[in-house]
Amino acid sequence: MEPVFEHKHIHKDYIVEIKIYRVTKDEYHPEGFQYSLVLIKKGKRILGYDNHERKGHHVHKGDRDLPYEFVDEWKLIDDFQKDVDKITKGELK
């Protein structure tokens, strides 16, 4: 896997971790990307965007798995960051 973007930092009481890799295109990664973007608080994932485990593109919000429409890696980061901002400001749970 070729890393496209990796980043990890602490924001308030949260850990933000972004990993995006270029992979060989296949039925599970038709765009050629594998990614995991997570927001963690007190050791628990609060938010996660990923496309692993053969589930396709999806978002974990709390205990819910929701479909995610992947456009490109830049929109992915932007969408994730918008949710992170809402959660850390208490606007989204």
N, C-alpha and C. Protein backbone atom coordinates (compact mmCIF):
# COMPACT_ATOMS: atom_id res chain seq x y z
N MET A 1 0.84 -1.19 0.00
CA MET A 1 0.00 0.00 0.00
C MET A 1 0.88 1.24 0.00
N GLU A 2 0.52 2.16 -0.83
CA GLU A 2 1.24 3.43 -0.92
C GLU A 2 0.49 4.48 -0.12
N PRO A 3 1.10 5.04 0.94
CA PRO A 3 0.39 6.06 1.72
C PRO A 3 0.17 7.32 0.88
N VAL A 4 -1.06 7.81 0.93
CA VAL A 4 -1.41 9.06 0.28
C VAL A 4 -1.42 10.16 1.33
N PHE A 5 -1.97 9.82 2.49
CA PHE A 5 -2.07 10.81 3.56
C PHE A 5 -2.19 10.08 4.89
N GLU A 6 -1.37 10.46 5.85
CA GLU A 6 -1.46 9.94 7.21
C GLU A 6 -1.31 11.12 8.16
N HIS A 7 -2.17 11.14 9.16
CA HIS A 7 -2.13 12.26 10.10
C HIS A 7 -2.76 11.81 11.42
N LYS A 8 -2.19 12.27 12.52
CA LYS A 8 -2.76 11.97 13.84
C LYS A 8 -2.48 13.17 14.74
N HIS A 9 -3.52 13.62 15.45
CA HIS A 9 -3.31 14.70 16.41
C HIS A 9 -4.38 14.65 17.51
N ILE A 10 -4.12 15.38 18.56
CA ILE A 10 -5.08 15.48 19.67
C ILE A 10 -5.78 16.82 19.55
N HIS A 11 -7.10 16.78 19.65
CA HIS A 11 -7.93 17.99 19.58
C HIS A 11 -8.87 17.97 20.79
N LYS A 12 -8.66 18.88 21.71
CA LYS A 12 -9.42 18.90 22.97
C LYS A 12 -9.24 17.55 23.65
N ASP A 13 -10.33 16.83 23.93
CA ASP A 13 -10.26 15.51 24.57
C ASP A 13 -10.31 14.37 23.56
N TYR A 14 -10.08 14.67 22.30
CA TYR A 14 -10.24 13.71 21.22
C TYR A 14 -8.92 13.40 20.53
N ILE A 15 -8.84 12.20 19.98
CA ILE A 15 -7.74 11.83 19.09
C ILE A 15 -8.33 11.76 17.69
N VAL A 16 -7.69 12.42 16.74
CA VAL A 16 -8.10 12.40 15.34
C VAL A 16 -7.01 11.66 14.57
N GLU A 17 -7.42 10.62 13.84
CA GLU A 17 -6.45 9.84 13.08
C GLU A 17 -6.97 9.62 11.66
N ILE A 18 -6.14 9.96 10.68
CA ILE A 18 -6.52 9.82 9.27
C ILE A 18 -5.46 8.99 8.57
N LYS A 19 -5.90 7.94 7.89
CA LYS A 19 -5.00 7.08 7.09
C LYS A 19 -5.68 6.83 5.75
N ILE A 20 -5.00 7.23 4.69
CA ILE A 20 -5.51 6.99 3.34
C ILE A 20 -4.37 6.38 2.53
N TYR A 21 -4.64 5.25 1.89
CA TYR A 21 -3.63 4.54 1.11
C TYR A 21 -4.12 4.30 -0.31
N ARG A 22 -3.20 4.34 -1.25
CA ARG A 22 -3.50 3.96 -2.62
C ARG A 22 -3.28 2.44 -2.71
N VAL A 23 -4.27 1.74 -3.21
CA VAL A 23 -4.19 0.28 -3.34
C VAL A 23 -4.57 -0.10 -4.77
N THR A 24 -4.31 -1.33 -5.09
CA THR A 24 -4.72 -1.85 -6.40
C THR A 24 -6.24 -1.85 -6.47
N LYS A 25 -6.76 -1.35 -7.57
CA LYS A 25 -8.22 -1.34 -7.75
C LYS A 25 -8.72 -2.78 -7.82
N ASP A 26 -9.80 -3.03 -7.11
CA ASP A 26 -10.46 -4.34 -7.14
C ASP A 26 -11.93 -4.13 -6.81
N GLU A 27 -12.66 -5.22 -6.64
CA GLU A 27 -14.11 -5.09 -6.39
C GLU A 27 -14.42 -4.39 -5.07
N TYR A 28 -13.51 -4.44 -4.11
CA TYR A 28 -13.74 -3.81 -2.81
C TYR A 28 -13.17 -2.40 -2.72
N HIS A 29 -12.27 -2.06 -3.63
CA HIS A 29 -11.65 -0.73 -3.67
C HIS A 29 -11.63 -0.24 -5.12
N PRO A 30 -12.81 0.00 -5.71
CA PRO A 30 -12.87 0.35 -7.13
C PRO A 30 -12.18 1.67 -7.48
N GLU A 31 -12.04 2.56 -6.50
CA GLU A 31 -11.37 3.84 -6.75
C GLU A 31 -9.86 3.75 -6.53
N GLY A 32 -9.40 2.64 -5.96
CA GLY A 32 -7.97 2.48 -5.70
C GLY A 32 -7.52 3.08 -4.38
N PHE A 33 -8.44 3.26 -3.44
CA PHE A 33 -8.10 3.82 -2.13
C PHE A 33 -8.63 2.92 -1.02
N GLN A 34 -7.86 2.81 0.04
CA GLN A 34 -8.32 2.22 1.29
C GLN A 34 -8.11 3.28 2.35
N TYR A 35 -9.10 3.47 3.22
CA TYR A 35 -8.97 4.56 4.18
C TYR A 35 -9.64 4.24 5.50
N SER A 36 -9.16 4.96 6.51
CA SER A 36 -9.74 4.91 7.85
C SER A 36 -9.53 6.28 8.48
N LEU A 37 -10.62 6.96 8.79
CA LEU A 37 -10.57 8.26 9.45
C LEU A 37 -11.39 8.11 10.72
N VAL A 38 -10.80 8.34 11.87
CA VAL A 38 -11.50 8.10 13.13
C VAL A 38 -11.34 9.27 14.09
N LEU A 39 -12.38 9.42 14.90
CA LEU A 39 -12.39 10.36 16.02
C LEU A 39 -12.61 9.52 17.26
N ILE A 40 -11.69 9.60 18.21
CA ILE A 40 -11.72 8.76 19.40
C ILE A 40 -11.78 9.64 20.64
N LYS A 41 -12.61 9.24 21.59
CA LYS A 41 -12.66 9.92 22.88
C LYS A 41 -12.65 8.87 23.98
N LYS A 42 -11.72 9.00 24.91
CA LYS A 42 -11.59 8.06 26.03
C LYS A 42 -11.51 6.61 25.54
N GLY A 43 -10.76 6.39 24.47
CA GLY A 43 -10.55 5.04 23.96
C GLY A 43 -11.70 4.47 23.14
N LYS A 44 -12.75 5.25 22.90
CA LYS A 44 -13.90 4.76 22.16
C LYS A 44 -14.06 5.55 20.86
N ARG A 45 -14.29 4.82 19.76
CA ARG A 45 -14.52 5.47 18.49
C ARG A 45 -15.88 6.17 18.53
N ILE A 46 -15.86 7.46 18.29
CA ILE A 46 -17.08 8.27 18.25
C ILE A 46 -17.56 8.40 16.81
N LEU A 47 -16.60 8.49 15.89
CA LEU A 47 -16.89 8.69 14.47
C LEU A 47 -15.84 7.94 13.67
N GLY A 48 -16.25 7.31 12.60
CA GLY A 48 -15.30 6.63 11.72
C GLY A 48 -15.79 6.57 10.30
N TYR A 49 -14.92 6.93 9.38
CA TYR A 49 -15.18 6.76 7.95
C TYR A 49 -14.21 5.70 7.48
N ASP A 50 -14.70 4.65 6.80
CA ASP A 50 -13.77 3.65 6.27
C ASP A 50 -14.41 2.85 5.14
N ASN A 51 -13.57 2.05 4.51
CA ASN A 51 -14.04 1.17 3.44
C ASN A 51 -13.35 -0.19 3.52
N HIS A 52 -13.14 -0.65 4.73
CA HIS A 52 -12.50 -1.95 4.88
C HIS A 52 -13.53 -3.02 5.21
N GLU A 53 -13.06 -4.20 5.45
CA GLU A 53 -13.89 -5.35 5.83
C GLU A 53 -14.96 -5.67 4.79
N ARG A 54 -14.69 -5.31 3.54
CA ARG A 54 -15.58 -5.66 2.43
C ARG A 54 -16.98 -5.07 2.58
N LYS A 55 -17.10 -3.98 3.34
CA LYS A 55 -18.39 -3.32 3.53
C LYS A 55 -18.60 -2.18 2.56
N GLY A 56 -17.58 -1.80 1.83
CA GLY A 56 -17.68 -0.64 0.97
C GLY A 56 -17.55 0.63 1.78
N HIS A 57 -17.88 1.75 1.17
CA HIS A 57 -17.76 3.05 1.83
C HIS A 57 -18.86 3.20 2.87
N HIS A 58 -18.47 3.55 4.09
CA HIS A 58 -19.48 3.73 5.14
C HIS A 58 -18.94 4.60 6.27
N VAL A 59 -19.87 5.07 7.09
CA VAL A 59 -19.55 5.93 8.23
C VAL A 59 -20.09 5.28 9.49
N HIS A 60 -19.28 5.27 10.54
CA HIS A 60 -19.72 4.83 11.86
C HIS A 60 -20.00 6.08 12.67
N LYS A 61 -21.23 6.26 13.08
CA LYS A 61 -21.59 7.36 13.98
C LYS A 61 -22.19 6.72 15.21
N GLY A 62 -21.43 6.72 16.29
CA GLY A 62 -21.87 5.99 17.48
C GLY A 62 -21.94 4.52 17.15
N ASP A 63 -23.10 3.91 17.37
CA ASP A 63 -23.30 2.49 17.08
C ASP A 63 -23.92 2.24 15.72
N ARG A 64 -24.12 3.30 14.94
CA ARG A 64 -24.76 3.15 13.63
C ARG A 64 -23.73 3.10 12.51
N ASP A 65 -23.99 2.26 11.51
CA ASP A 65 -23.22 2.22 10.26
C ASP A 65 -24.10 2.80 9.17
N LEU A 66 -23.61 3.84 8.51
CA LEU A 66 -24.37 4.51 7.46
C LEU A 66 -23.57 4.48 6.16
N PRO A 67 -24.26 4.39 5.03
CA PRO A 67 -23.53 4.42 3.76
C PRO A 67 -22.87 5.78 3.55
N TYR A 68 -21.77 5.79 2.81
CA TYR A 68 -21.07 7.03 2.49
C TYR A 68 -20.80 7.05 0.99
N GLU A 69 -21.10 8.17 0.35
CA GLU A 69 -20.86 8.31 -1.08
C GLU A 69 -19.46 8.91 -1.29
N PHE A 70 -18.52 8.06 -1.65
CA PHE A 70 -17.13 8.47 -1.86
C PHE A 70 -17.01 9.18 -3.21
N VAL A 71 -16.42 10.38 -3.20
CA VAL A 71 -16.16 11.14 -4.42
C VAL A 71 -14.66 11.12 -4.71
N ASP A 72 -13.87 11.58 -3.76
CA ASP A 72 -12.42 11.53 -3.85
C ASP A 72 -11.84 11.71 -2.44
N GLU A 73 -10.54 11.57 -2.32
CA GLU A 73 -9.92 11.62 -1.00
C GLU A 73 -10.03 13.00 -0.35
N TRP A 74 -10.10 14.05 -1.13
CA TRP A 74 -10.18 15.41 -0.58
C TRP A 74 -11.56 15.69 -0.01
N LYS A 75 -12.61 15.24 -0.69
CA LYS A 75 -13.96 15.41 -0.17
C LYS A 75 -14.15 14.53 1.07
N LEU A 76 -13.55 13.35 1.06
CA LEU A 76 -13.59 12.46 2.23
C LEU A 76 -13.04 13.17 3.46
N ILE A 77 -11.86 13.77 3.33
CA ILE A 77 -11.25 14.48 4.45
C ILE A 77 -12.13 15.65 4.88
N ASP A 78 -12.67 16.38 3.92
CA ASP A 78 -13.53 17.53 4.21
C ASP A 78 -14.80 17.09 4.95
N ASP A 79 -15.45 16.04 4.48
CA ASP A 79 -16.67 15.54 5.13
C ASP A 79 -16.38 15.09 6.56
N PHE A 80 -15.28 14.38 6.72
CA PHE A 80 -14.88 13.91 8.05
C PHE A 80 -14.62 15.10 8.97
N GLN A 81 -13.87 16.08 8.48
CA GLN A 81 -13.53 17.24 9.30
C GLN A 81 -14.78 18.03 9.70
N LYS A 82 -15.75 18.13 8.81
CA LYS A 82 -17.01 18.82 9.14
C LYS A 82 -17.72 18.10 10.28
N ASP A 83 -17.77 16.76 10.23
CA ASP A 83 -18.39 16.00 11.32
C ASP A 83 -17.59 16.13 12.62
N VAL A 84 -16.26 16.10 12.52
CA VAL A 84 -15.41 16.28 13.70
C VAL A 84 -15.72 17.63 14.35
N ASP A 85 -15.78 18.68 13.54
CA ASP A 85 -16.07 20.02 14.07
C ASP A 85 -17.42 20.05 14.77
N LYS A 86 -18.43 19.44 14.16
CA LYS A 86 -19.77 19.43 14.78
C LYS A 86 -19.77 18.65 16.10
N ILE A 87 -19.09 17.53 16.12
CA ILE A 87 -19.04 16.72 17.33
C ILE A 87 -18.28 17.44 18.44
N THR A 88 -17.13 18.01 18.13
CA THR A 88 -16.33 18.65 19.17
C THR A 88 -16.96 19.95 19.66
N LYS A 89 -17.86 20.51 18.87
CA LYS A 89 -18.60 21.70 19.32
C LYS A 89 -19.92 21.34 19.98
N GLY A 90 -20.23 20.03 20.05
CA GLY A 90 -21.46 19.57 20.68
C GLY A 90 -22.69 19.69 19.82
N GLU A 91 -22.51 19.91 18.50
CA GLU A 91 -23.64 20.07 17.60
C GLU A 91 -24.14 18.77 17.02
N LEU A 92 -23.35 17.72 17.10
CA LEU A 92 -23.71 16.42 16.52
C LEU A 92 -23.30 15.34 17.51
N LYS A 93 -24.20 14.39 17.71
CA LYS A 93 -23.90 13.28 18.63
C LYS A 93 -24.00 11.98 17.90
